[in-house]
Amino acid sequence: MAATQSKTIDMSRFWITMFLGVLLLSNSQSASSNTLNNSNALTSQTWKGESAGFVNQGDPTKDDVAFLVVLGHVQAAIRRANHRDKENSMKNPFTPQLMKEYAIIDPFVTGKSNTNLSLQPLLSEVAAPDSFLIITDTTPSTRKQRNAIHTQLKNLILRVDAIVIERFPSTHSSALAMSALLREAAELLRQGLSMEGQILNVSRYRDALQLVEASLSLNVNKAILCDRSREAVKQLKSRGPLGDLLDRLIIISKSGAVNANAGDVFDAAEKLRQLGASLPNNDSEICK
């Protein structure tokens, strides 16, 4: 009888132990799940502030700022296609809208001596769907074709730079055009980056990064005639309103984050807008 009672007690202790073990494991898993969910929620929280920077609404055939913005869009697309990093979900950056924008300004792409600086027909060749398929193909059989297209893309980057130099925009125009591109980049980063800089959408992040880099090509070296012009020229350099922002956007940590968010880019865009608004359209009047 005593032996039977002892066995009954032992079995009761066994089931109680099992029950407590399952309960503790369940609570532990629940706590881990909640921690992970809270971490993801924190990481995926995007920047919710107000947009800032210049809004381009000009006619690119008559307005220097609007003309430069179109060139910036084209330059960003060329750089995006030429960049070594291409995600599987990447779409052709040479969208119909972009090609339409460039077609509008193409008749006005000339040098000081009326030299034709048109990007056509080369731009249409690299923008073709077949070309995009080749540059996103990583198989050895297309290496030669890929290299040829990348050579053309590099040529186009230099030609866009040449157009800007020939155009020789005022500091006022460059500042506002750069501001407009940075504002567009920041809008992309609303979904591309979290508040903490975690990359949430690779395509939007990379599209935005190329807009930021392209904006810096819309400036030309100017003669410094006074303190005001010196400060204005300094602000258009990458270390001006951007500070170290470009580096912070480029360098990705092991956790997949950068040290910036959309708000930082909006801030830079607004500084450039204020700079452009404070300057006369003609550089010769800056020092008066």
Protein backbone atom coordinates (compact mmCIF):
# COMPACT_ATOMS: atom_id res chain seq x y z
CA MET A 1 0.00 0.00 0.00
CA ALA A 2 2.83 2.38 0.93
CA ALA A 3 4.61 1.50 -2.29
CA THR A 4 1.47 2.29 -4.28
CA GLN A 5 1.07 5.68 -2.58
CA SER A 6 4.75 6.45 -3.22
CA LYS A 7 4.33 5.69 -6.91
CA THR A 8 1.22 7.87 -7.06
CA ILE A 9 3.08 10.79 -5.44
CA ASP A 10 6.03 10.37 -7.80
CA MET A 11 3.72 10.39 -10.82
CA SER A 12 1.98 13.51 -9.53
CA ARG A 13 5.32 15.26 -9.09
CA PHE A 14 6.32 14.19 -12.61
CA TRP A 15 3.23 15.68 -14.23
CA ILE A 16 3.49 18.85 -12.16
CA THR A 17 7.13 19.22 -13.22
CA MET A 18 6.18 18.65 -16.85
CA PHE A 19 3.38 21.19 -16.61
CA LEU A 20 5.64 23.82 -15.05
CA GLY A 21 8.30 23.14 -17.67
CA VAL A 22 5.86 23.60 -20.53
CA LEU A 23 4.49 26.75 -18.90
CA LEU A 24 7.94 28.26 -18.42
CA LEU A 25 8.94 27.40 -21.99
CA SER A 26 5.75 28.96 -23.33
CA ASN A 27 6.30 32.15 -21.34
CA SER A 28 9.93 32.29 -22.45
CA GLN A 29 8.97 31.93 -26.11
CA SER A 30 6.23 34.53 -25.72
CA ALA A 31 8.65 36.97 -24.13
CA SER A 32 11.20 36.39 -26.90
CA SER A 33 8.54 36.87 -29.53
CA ASN A 34 7.37 40.12 -27.91
CA THR A 35 10.96 41.37 -27.68
CA LEU A 36 11.55 40.57 -31.36
CA ASN A 37 8.27 42.21 -32.39
CA ASN A 38 9.09 45.31 -30.35
CA SER A 39 12.56 45.42 -31.90
CA ASN A 40 11.13 45.14 -35.42
CA ALA A 41 8.53 47.80 -34.66
CA LEU A 42 11.24 50.10 -33.39
CA THR A 43 13.49 49.40 -36.35
CA SER A 44 10.75 49.86 -38.94
CA GLN A 45 9.49 53.17 -37.55
CA THR A 46 9.99 55.66 -40.36
CA TRP A 47 10.63 59.40 -40.24
CA LYS A 48 7.30 61.28 -40.07
CA GLY A 49 8.36 64.92 -40.18
CA GLU A 50 7.37 67.58 -42.70
CA SER A 51 8.99 67.80 -46.13
CA ALA A 52 11.45 70.63 -46.75
CA GLY A 53 13.52 71.96 -49.61
CA PHE A 54 12.85 73.52 -53.00
CA VAL A 55 9.91 72.29 -55.10
CA ASN A 56 10.66 72.48 -58.80
CA GLN A 57 7.72 73.71 -60.88
CA GLY A 58 9.55 75.59 -63.64
CA ASP A 59 9.68 75.08 -67.39
CA PRO A 60 13.02 73.38 -68.21
CA THR A 61 13.11 75.06 -71.62
CA LYS A 62 13.10 78.52 -70.02
CA ASP A 63 14.20 78.09 -66.40
CA ASP A 64 17.78 77.19 -65.46
CA VAL A 65 16.78 75.51 -62.20
CA ALA A 66 14.23 73.24 -63.90
CA PHE A 67 16.75 72.46 -66.66
CA LEU A 68 19.33 71.39 -64.07
CA VAL A 69 16.80 69.25 -62.19
CA VAL A 70 16.10 67.28 -65.37
CA LEU A 71 19.84 66.81 -65.91
CA GLY A 72 20.10 65.65 -62.31
CA HIS A 73 17.38 63.05 -62.88
CA VAL A 74 19.20 61.78 -65.95
CA GLN A 75 22.55 61.70 -64.16
CA ALA A 76 21.04 59.79 -61.22
CA ALA A 77 19.53 57.19 -63.58
CA ILE A 78 22.84 56.75 -65.42
CA ARG A 79 24.73 56.33 -62.15
CA ARG A 80 22.10 53.89 -60.84
CA ALA A 81 22.43 51.73 -63.94
CA ASN A 82 26.21 51.90 -63.84
CA HIS A 83 26.55 51.05 -60.15
CA ARG A 84 27.85 47.59 -59.31
CA ASP A 85 25.11 46.97 -56.70
CA LYS A 86 21.88 45.86 -58.33
CA GLU A 87 19.18 44.19 -56.27
CA ASN A 88 16.95 41.51 -57.82
CA SER A 89 13.91 43.80 -57.56
CA MET A 90 15.66 46.70 -59.30
CA LYS A 91 13.67 48.29 -62.10
CA ASN A 92 15.06 50.02 -65.17
CA PRO A 93 15.94 53.55 -63.95
CA PHE A 94 15.40 54.94 -67.45
CA THR A 95 11.65 55.23 -67.07
CA PRO A 96 9.38 56.55 -69.85
CA GLN A 97 8.84 59.69 -67.74
CA LEU A 98 12.58 60.29 -67.49
CA MET A 99 13.09 59.86 -71.23
CA LYS A 100 10.20 62.24 -71.86
CA GLU A 101 11.78 64.82 -69.53
CA TYR A 102 15.08 64.63 -71.34
CA ALA A 103 13.43 64.84 -74.78
CA ILE A 104 12.03 68.24 -73.75
CA ILE A 105 15.45 69.72 -72.97
CA ASP A 106 17.45 67.91 -75.67
CA PRO A 107 17.05 70.73 -78.24
CA PHE A 108 18.53 73.13 -75.68
CA VAL A 109 21.57 71.01 -74.82
CA THR A 110 24.21 73.07 -76.57
CA GLY A 111 27.59 74.57 -75.75
CA LYS A 112 28.67 78.19 -75.84
CA SER A 113 29.55 77.88 -79.51
CA ASN A 114 26.24 76.14 -80.22
CA THR A 115 28.03 72.79 -80.19
CA ASN A 116 25.57 69.93 -80.01
CA LEU A 117 26.03 68.20 -76.64
CA SER A 118 22.99 65.92 -76.96
CA LEU A 119 23.06 62.64 -75.05
CA GLN A 120 21.19 61.01 -77.90
CA PRO A 121 21.27 58.44 -79.43
CA LEU A 122 23.54 56.92 -76.78
CA LEU A 123 21.06 57.55 -73.96
CA SER A 124 18.29 55.67 -75.76
CA GLU A 125 20.64 52.78 -76.47
CA VAL A 126 21.59 52.21 -72.84
CA ALA A 127 18.01 52.87 -71.70
CA ALA A 128 16.59 50.10 -73.88
CA PRO A 129 15.03 47.11 -72.04
CA ASP A 130 17.52 44.74 -73.71
CA SER A 131 20.44 46.78 -72.36
CA PHE A 132 18.97 46.70 -68.87
CA LEU A 133 18.60 42.93 -69.02
CA ILE A 134 22.26 42.61 -70.00
CA ILE A 135 23.65 44.81 -67.21
CA THR A 136 21.58 42.93 -64.61
CA ASP A 137 22.71 39.55 -65.94
CA THR A 138 25.65 38.16 -63.99
CA THR A 139 26.41 35.14 -66.18
CA PRO A 140 29.87 34.95 -67.80
CA SER A 141 28.36 34.73 -71.29
CA THR A 142 27.22 38.40 -71.19
CA ARG A 143 30.37 39.84 -69.58
CA LYS A 144 31.66 41.41 -72.79
CA GLN A 145 28.30 43.05 -73.53
CA ARG A 146 27.96 44.24 -69.94
CA ASN A 147 31.38 45.86 -70.03
CA ALA A 148 30.54 47.62 -73.30
CA ILE A 149 27.32 49.08 -71.84
CA HIS A 150 29.09 50.18 -68.66
CA THR A 151 31.66 51.97 -70.81
CA GLN A 152 28.82 53.81 -72.54
CA LEU A 153 27.27 54.70 -69.18
CA LYS A 154 30.56 56.15 -67.93
CA ASN A 155 30.78 58.18 -71.13
CA LEU A 156 27.29 59.54 -70.50
CA ILE A 157 28.20 60.55 -66.92
CA LEU A 158 31.06 62.64 -68.30
CA ARG A 159 28.84 64.14 -71.00
CA VAL A 160 26.24 65.25 -68.45
CA ASP A 161 29.03 66.88 -66.44
CA ALA A 162 30.18 68.64 -69.63
CA ILE A 163 26.67 69.98 -70.24
CA VAL A 164 26.58 71.48 -66.74
CA ILE A 165 29.99 73.09 -67.25
CA GLU A 166 28.96 74.56 -70.60
CA ARG A 167 25.71 75.79 -69.11
CA PHE A 168 27.69 77.37 -66.26
CA PRO A 169 24.67 77.91 -63.99
CA SER A 170 24.58 80.64 -61.37
CA THR A 171 25.14 79.76 -57.74
CA HIS A 172 21.47 80.62 -57.17
CA SER A 173 20.32 78.08 -59.79
CA SER A 174 22.70 75.34 -58.65
CA ALA A 175 21.62 75.69 -55.02
CA LEU A 176 17.90 75.45 -55.81
CA ALA A 177 18.35 72.54 -58.24
CA MET A 178 20.44 70.65 -55.70
CA SER A 179 17.81 71.37 -53.05
CA ALA A 180 15.07 69.97 -55.30
CA LEU A 181 16.96 66.73 -55.89
CA LEU A 182 17.74 66.31 -52.19
CA ARG A 183 14.08 66.82 -51.36
CA GLU A 184 13.15 64.06 -53.83
CA ALA A 185 15.80 61.80 -52.31
CA ALA A 186 14.44 62.45 -48.82
CA GLU A 187 10.91 61.54 -49.94
CA LEU A 188 12.24 58.17 -51.14
CA LEU A 189 14.03 57.66 -47.84
CA ARG A 190 10.77 58.02 -45.91
CA GLN A 191 10.15 54.38 -46.89
CA GLY A 192 13.76 53.48 -47.62
CA LEU A 193 15.17 54.05 -44.12
CA SER A 194 13.88 53.80 -40.59
CA MET A 195 14.36 56.54 -38.01
CA GLU A 196 17.47 54.68 -36.83
CA GLY A 197 18.84 54.38 -40.38
CA GLN A 198 17.92 50.73 -40.89
CA ILE A 199 17.49 49.99 -44.61
CA LEU A 200 13.86 48.98 -45.09
CA ASN A 201 13.64 49.22 -48.88
CA VAL A 202 16.87 48.65 -50.78
CA SER A 203 15.58 50.01 -54.11
CA ARG A 204 14.32 53.28 -52.62
CA TYR A 205 17.51 53.69 -50.60
CA ARG A 206 19.75 53.23 -53.65
CA ASP A 207 17.57 55.45 -55.86
CA ALA A 208 17.78 58.17 -53.21
CA LEU A 209 21.54 57.80 -52.84
CA GLN A 210 22.08 58.34 -56.56
CA LEU A 211 19.91 61.48 -56.46
CA VAL A 212 22.08 62.83 -53.64
CA GLU A 213 25.27 62.10 -55.56
CA ALA A 214 23.84 63.49 -58.80
CA SER A 215 22.89 66.74 -57.05
CA LEU A 216 26.56 67.43 -56.36
CA SER A 217 27.32 67.38 -60.09
CA LEU A 218 25.04 70.38 -60.73
CA ASN A 219 27.62 72.82 -59.44
CA VAL A 220 30.60 74.36 -61.24
CA ASN A 221 33.71 76.01 -59.85
CA LYS A 222 33.30 79.76 -59.50
CA ALA A 223 35.65 82.66 -58.96
CA ILE A 224 35.55 84.02 -55.42
CA LEU A 225 35.14 87.79 -55.46
CA CYS A 226 34.05 88.54 -51.90
CA ASP A 227 33.22 86.91 -48.58
CA ARG A 228 29.61 86.38 -49.59
CA SER A 229 30.54 84.56 -52.80
CA ARG A 230 33.16 82.53 -50.92
CA GLU A 231 30.58 81.34 -48.42
CA ALA A 232 28.05 80.58 -51.17
CA VAL A 233 30.54 78.54 -53.18
CA LYS A 234 31.61 76.69 -50.04
CA GLN A 235 28.00 75.74 -49.31
CA LEU A 236 27.64 74.04 -52.69
CA LYS A 237 30.52 71.68 -51.99
CA SER A 238 29.76 68.21 -50.65
CA ARG A 239 31.01 69.28 -47.22
CA GLY A 240 28.75 72.34 -47.21
CA PRO A 241 25.09 71.73 -46.40
CA LEU A 242 25.65 67.98 -46.55
CA GLY A 243 28.48 67.96 -44.02
CA ASP A 244 29.39 64.30 -43.72
CA LEU A 245 25.86 63.26 -44.71
CA LEU A 246 26.90 61.60 -47.97
CA ASP A 247 29.44 59.41 -46.14
CA ARG A 248 26.84 58.57 -43.50
CA LEU A 249 24.40 57.48 -46.21
CA ILE A 250 26.97 55.36 -48.02
CA ILE A 251 28.60 53.50 -45.13
CA ILE A 252 26.42 50.56 -44.08
CA SER A 253 26.97 48.85 -40.73
CA LYS A 254 26.97 45.08 -40.21
CA SER A 255 23.39 45.35 -38.98
CA GLY A 256 22.31 46.88 -42.31
CA ALA A 257 21.93 50.45 -41.11
CA VAL A 258 23.35 53.84 -42.06
CA ASN A 259 23.93 56.78 -39.75
CA ALA A 260 21.22 59.01 -41.24
CA ASN A 261 17.52 59.16 -42.06
CA ALA A 262 15.11 61.08 -44.29
CA GLY A 263 15.02 64.02 -41.90
CA ASP A 264 18.75 64.62 -42.28
CA VAL A 265 18.39 64.86 -46.07
CA PHE A 266 15.38 67.18 -45.77
CA ASP A 267 17.50 69.43 -43.51
CA ALA A 268 20.25 69.63 -46.15
CA ALA A 269 17.64 70.34 -48.84
CA GLU A 270 16.20 73.20 -46.79
CA LYS A 271 19.62 74.77 -46.17
CA LEU A 272 20.26 74.80 -49.91
CA ARG A 273 16.81 76.27 -50.59
CA GLN A 274 17.52 79.10 -48.16
CA LEU A 275 20.92 79.67 -49.73
CA GLY A 276 19.48 79.82 -53.25
CA ALA A 277 16.66 82.12 -52.18
CA SER A 278 19.13 84.52 -50.58
CA LEU A 279 21.23 84.93 -53.73
CA PRO A 280 20.58 86.99 -56.88
CA ASN A 281 20.03 85.18 -60.18
CA ASN A 282 23.22 86.66 -61.54
CA ASP A 283 26.51 85.83 -59.82
CA SER A 284 27.94 89.21 -60.77
CA GLU A 285 25.50 90.83 -58.35
CA ILE A 286 26.44 88.71 -55.30
CA CYS A 287 29.15 91.09 -54.14
CA LYS A 288 27.23 94.30 -54.73
